[in-house]
Amino acid sequence: MTQLLYVADPMCSWCWGFAPVLASVTADLPDDVGVRLVLGGLAPDSDVPMDDAMVRYVQDAWHAVAARSGAEFNHAFWEQHHPKRSTWPACRAVLAAGERSREMYEAIQRAYYLEAHDPSDRATLIELAGELGLDPAKFDATLDAPETHALLAEEFALRDRLGATGYPSVGLERNGELKLIAAGWNDEPALRAIFEREGLLRR
């Protein structure tokens, strides 16, 4: 059995820039190769707003991602919010969405980067769950449930076993063996070349 492991964080701007590349290349995977999202957890829980230095750091990252990947960003976000440097709640929101987890991941990205909403704010995550058709009250209760914290710890453990230290990263699980095959942002030709070397693309 072969499974692709995509290690990412919904609030990682490089992951936002990488999303179209990954989607294009994985469209050519054989039917027997699955893709699993593994949550990396970029920044731990915090109630403290970003200081000016961190705001500049993240803003600079947005500009760098846009320049390199062509990804779109709504920079009005920084005029409207004083966000916390905390992505673990957004990661738990992905897990709390259950079978809709990938949709939640993508909804958080769109809300953050295009619609200038703040996913470090719990209310934003609950609103997104409602837009996906999930029960907001049940989602709210699940978001910080011990079971959800335990699931996120399992994601981090898999990330560590794979050896992924930055996002986005792409790994491979083949016959029970883990292998990191790509670390950091890659353009489409580079990612295709990596997949071809691993024998992952349809012939």
Protein backbone atom coordinates (compact mmCIF):
# COMPACT_ATOMS: atom_id res chain seq x y z
CA MET A 1 0.00 0.00 0.00
CA THR A 2 1.26 3.49 -0.92
CA GLN A 3 0.04 6.73 0.60
CA LEU A 4 1.19 10.27 0.05
CA LEU A 5 1.53 12.31 3.25
CA TYR A 6 1.06 16.05 2.84
CA VAL A 7 2.36 17.85 5.95
CA ALA A 8 0.88 21.32 6.16
CA ASP A 9 -0.80 23.91 8.32
CA PRO A 10 -3.94 25.80 7.24
CA MET A 11 -2.34 29.08 8.36
CA CYS A 12 1.00 28.49 6.61
CA SER A 13 1.30 30.95 3.72
CA TRP A 14 3.76 28.73 1.82
CA CYS A 15 1.18 25.93 2.00
CA TRP A 16 -1.36 28.32 0.46
CA GLY A 17 1.06 29.03 -2.37
CA PHE A 18 1.78 25.32 -2.79
CA ALA A 19 -1.87 24.21 -2.93
CA PRO A 20 -2.36 24.58 -6.72
CA VAL A 21 0.94 22.82 -7.43
CA LEU A 22 0.02 19.87 -5.23
CA ALA A 23 -3.50 19.66 -6.67
CA SER A 24 -2.21 19.59 -10.23
CA VAL A 25 0.42 16.92 -9.63
CA THR A 26 -1.67 14.66 -7.38
CA ALA A 27 -4.38 14.62 -10.07
CA ASP A 28 -2.01 12.30 -11.95
CA LEU A 29 -1.53 9.81 -9.13
CA PRO A 30 -2.70 6.24 -9.77
CA ASP A 31 -6.02 5.30 -8.19
CA ASP A 32 -4.31 3.08 -5.64
CA VAL A 33 -2.22 5.92 -4.16
CA GLY A 34 -4.08 7.86 -1.50
CA VAL A 35 -3.32 11.34 -0.18
CA ARG A 36 -3.45 12.07 3.53
CA LEU A 37 -3.24 15.53 5.06
CA VAL A 38 -0.98 15.59 8.12
CA LEU A 39 -1.31 18.67 10.31
CA GLY A 40 2.04 20.22 11.15
CA GLY A 41 1.05 22.73 13.81
CA LEU A 42 3.01 25.87 12.95
CA ALA A 43 2.40 27.86 16.15
CA PRO A 44 1.05 26.69 19.54
CA ASP A 45 -1.95 27.96 21.46
CA SER A 46 -1.67 31.57 22.55
CA ASP A 47 -4.00 34.41 23.57
CA VAL A 48 -1.34 37.04 22.92
CA PRO A 49 -1.64 39.17 19.76
CA MET A 50 1.38 39.18 17.46
CA ASP A 51 3.91 41.87 18.24
CA ASP A 52 5.03 44.28 15.53
CA ALA A 53 8.09 42.20 14.63
CA MET A 54 6.00 39.05 14.10
CA VAL A 55 3.43 40.97 12.07
CA ARG A 56 6.20 42.21 9.78
CA TYR A 57 7.63 38.69 9.54
CA VAL A 58 4.30 37.20 8.44
CA GLN A 59 3.55 40.09 6.09
CA ASP A 60 6.96 39.62 4.47
CA ALA A 61 6.22 35.91 4.08
CA TRP A 62 2.95 36.71 2.29
CA HIS A 63 4.78 38.96 -0.16
CA ALA A 64 7.49 36.34 -0.71
CA VAL A 65 4.93 33.60 -1.38
CA ALA A 66 3.01 35.82 -3.79
CA ALA A 67 6.19 36.71 -5.68
CA ARG A 68 7.35 33.13 -6.01
CA SER A 69 4.09 31.25 -6.50
CA GLY A 70 1.64 33.83 -7.83
CA ALA A 71 -0.76 33.14 -4.95
CA GLU A 72 -3.29 35.86 -4.14
CA PHE A 73 -3.43 37.49 -0.70
CA ASN A 74 -5.86 40.02 0.77
CA HIS A 75 -3.51 42.35 2.62
CA ALA A 76 -6.47 44.25 4.09
CA PHE A 77 -6.37 41.52 6.74
CA TRP A 78 -3.62 43.42 8.57
CA GLU A 79 -5.69 46.60 8.71
CA GLN A 80 -8.71 44.78 10.13
CA HIS A 81 -7.20 42.36 12.69
CA HIS A 82 -4.64 42.00 15.45
CA PRO A 83 -4.23 38.22 15.15
CA LYS A 84 -2.61 35.84 17.57
CA ARG A 85 0.43 33.82 16.52
CA SER A 86 -1.46 30.59 17.04
CA THR A 87 -2.35 27.95 14.46
CA TRP A 88 -3.09 24.95 16.64
CA PRO A 89 -6.78 25.95 17.04
CA ALA A 90 -7.13 26.00 13.24
CA CYS A 91 -5.47 22.58 13.09
CA ARG A 92 -7.91 21.24 15.69
CA ALA A 93 -10.75 22.75 13.67
CA VAL A 94 -9.69 20.62 10.71
CA LEU A 95 -9.81 17.51 12.90
CA ALA A 96 -13.08 18.54 14.55
CA ALA A 97 -14.69 18.68 11.11
CA GLY A 98 -14.38 14.89 10.84
CA GLU A 99 -15.21 13.65 7.34
CA ARG A 100 -15.26 17.28 6.17
CA SER A 101 -11.69 17.85 7.34
CA ARG A 102 -10.16 18.62 3.95
CA GLU A 103 -12.99 21.02 3.20
CA MET A 104 -12.41 22.75 6.52
CA TYR A 105 -8.69 23.03 5.80
CA GLU A 106 -9.43 24.72 2.47
CA ALA A 107 -12.15 26.92 3.99
CA ILE A 108 -9.70 28.21 6.61
CA GLN A 109 -7.16 29.02 3.90
CA ARG A 110 -9.71 30.94 1.80
CA ALA A 111 -11.05 32.79 4.83
CA TYR A 112 -7.57 33.81 5.95
CA TYR A 113 -5.82 34.67 2.72
CA LEU A 114 -8.65 35.86 0.47
CA GLU A 115 -11.49 37.03 2.72
CA ALA A 116 -9.46 38.70 5.50
CA HIS A 117 -10.98 36.65 8.33
CA ASP A 118 -8.91 35.63 11.35
CA PRO A 119 -8.63 31.85 11.91
CA SER A 120 -6.80 32.43 15.19
CA ASP A 121 -10.22 33.63 16.42
CA ARG A 122 -12.45 30.79 17.63
CA ALA A 123 -15.58 32.54 16.35
CA THR A 124 -14.18 32.45 12.80
CA LEU A 125 -13.63 28.70 13.00
CA ILE A 126 -17.16 28.08 14.30
CA GLU A 127 -18.61 30.27 11.55
CA LEU A 128 -16.71 28.31 8.90
CA ALA A 129 -18.02 25.04 10.35
CA GLY A 130 -21.56 26.35 10.02
CA GLU A 131 -20.92 27.33 6.41
CA LEU A 132 -19.87 23.73 5.74
CA GLY A 133 -23.17 22.52 7.16
CA LEU A 134 -21.73 21.28 10.45
CA ASP A 135 -23.61 21.88 13.69
CA PRO A 136 -21.92 24.95 15.23
CA ALA A 137 -22.64 23.99 18.84
CA LYS A 138 -21.37 20.44 18.39
CA PHE A 139 -18.32 21.71 16.53
CA ASP A 140 -17.60 24.23 19.29
CA ALA A 141 -17.71 21.46 21.89
CA THR A 142 -15.49 19.18 19.78
CA LEU A 143 -12.88 21.86 19.06
CA ASP A 144 -11.24 21.64 22.48
CA ALA A 145 -12.37 18.17 23.51
CA PRO A 146 -9.62 15.90 24.93
CA GLU A 147 -10.15 13.55 22.01
CA THR A 148 -9.38 16.34 19.53
CA HIS A 149 -6.22 17.32 21.41
CA ALA A 150 -5.18 13.66 21.34
CA LEU A 151 -5.78 13.45 17.59
CA LEU A 152 -3.61 16.52 17.02
CA ALA A 153 -0.84 14.98 19.12
CA GLU A 154 -1.01 11.91 16.85
CA GLU A 155 -0.64 14.17 13.81
CA PHE A 156 2.46 15.74 15.35
CA ALA A 157 3.88 12.31 16.14
CA LEU A 158 3.47 11.22 12.51
CA ARG A 159 5.07 14.49 11.36
CA ASP A 160 8.04 13.81 13.62
CA ARG A 161 8.43 10.20 12.49
CA LEU A 162 8.47 11.40 8.92
CA GLY A 163 11.13 13.98 9.77
CA ALA A 164 9.17 16.96 8.45
CA THR A 165 10.46 20.13 10.10
CA GLY A 166 8.94 22.75 7.79
CA TYR A 167 5.80 23.23 5.72
CA PRO A 168 4.81 22.30 3.16
CA SER A 169 6.46 18.88 3.18
CA VAL A 170 5.54 15.76 1.27
CA GLY A 171 6.23 12.27 2.49
CA LEU A 172 5.55 8.77 1.36
CA GLU A 173 4.27 5.78 3.28
CA ARG A 174 4.99 2.63 1.29
CA ASN A 175 4.57 -0.84 2.77
CA GLY A 176 4.77 0.63 6.26
CA GLU A 177 7.97 2.58 5.58
CA LEU A 178 8.06 6.37 5.86
CA LYS A 179 10.14 8.60 3.58
CA LEU A 180 10.32 12.38 3.26
CA ILE A 181 10.47 13.21 -0.47
CA ALA A 182 9.97 17.00 -0.61
CA ALA A 183 10.57 19.75 1.94
CA GLY A 184 9.48 23.32 1.34
CA TRP A 185 7.75 24.96 -1.60
CA ASN A 186 8.38 23.43 -5.03
CA ASP A 187 7.09 24.55 -8.39
CA GLU A 188 5.13 22.08 -10.51
CA PRO A 189 8.00 20.80 -12.71
CA ALA A 190 10.15 20.16 -9.63
CA LEU A 191 7.37 18.33 -7.79
CA ARG A 192 6.54 16.25 -10.87
CA ALA A 193 10.18 15.26 -11.18
CA ILE A 194 10.21 14.12 -7.54
CA PHE A 195 7.03 12.10 -8.01
CA GLU A 196 8.38 10.53 -11.19
CA ARG A 197 11.59 9.47 -9.43
CA GLU A 198 9.45 7.75 -6.81
CA GLY A 199 7.33 6.02 -9.47
CA LEU A 200 4.19 7.77 -8.27
CA LEU A 201 2.67 9.10 -11.49
CA ARG A 202 0.47 7.22 -13.91
CA ARG A 203 2.32 5.83 -16.89
